Amino acid sequence: MQAPRMPQKELVPADTHLAICYCVCDIGTQEITYPGKPMKHVRQIRVIWELPNCRMDVGDNRTAPRVIGNDYTFSTYEGAALAQLITPWVGSCPDNFDFESLIGKACYLAIVHKESASSGNSYAKIASAMKVPDGVSIPQQENDTIFYDMEAMGKDYPLSLMTDSYKWLREKIQESQEFVNPHQDEAQTTAGITPEQKQRYDEAIGGREVAKAEAEAQDSGAAGDIDPNIPF
């Protein structure tokens, strides 16, 4: 006996799309399970773009840009997916990278279609981001900006995150370890080590191992699945 597949939503077409980043959101430390791997806690960031030339009908003879986004491990280690996304887009992704600088910045997103190993459904996956050449006209951003830095802003959400449209994103933040168990400190894991050892620890745990797990998950269709509650 085989369970029926869930209905498919319309996917963002597989193509290279002009995109404008309007959301960079620290979603905290989430419980992540990759296929064939034990559950682990991973600090993540969600990045969302609007696609001004790929539009959907929203009624009353109006259209709006389709949007697409993904969760990334919050690591600037060169092997991490986030650094590999940002570097060809803006030129570099140093440890002190200003993530708010991505808001309003255009790029070309290469979108491919994959099949989820868990559900069997197809999904749109962001394969890469590329810098927009000089001279290309960039439309004005249409969606409200969402930027959330958990360390700097605490539980004070920006107003754009408080709307019903982004309830799903607010709830995901509230599921993070920082909200559910705010007194658990990383010092429990790294107590008694030097700053140099701590840096090596971060690179090993937040970099190489995560990058390997991300690559395996992307191949199996786990990390690229888009939240079904998002109007993509």
Foldseek 3Di string as FASTA:
>chain_A
DDDDFDDDDDADDQFKFKKAKQEKAFLAWDFDDFVPDDTDTFGKIKIKIFGQVDWDDPDPPDIGTAMDMFIFGPDCACLGPVQQAVCQAPPGRDPPDDPVVSHGAIWIWRWDWDAALVRRHIHIFGPHTHYDDPPDDDDGDDQHHAYYDCVVQPLPGDPSCVDPLNPVSNVSSCNHCCNVPVPDDCCVVVPPDDPVVVVVVCCVVSNDVNSVSVVSRVVNRHRGDDDPSHRD
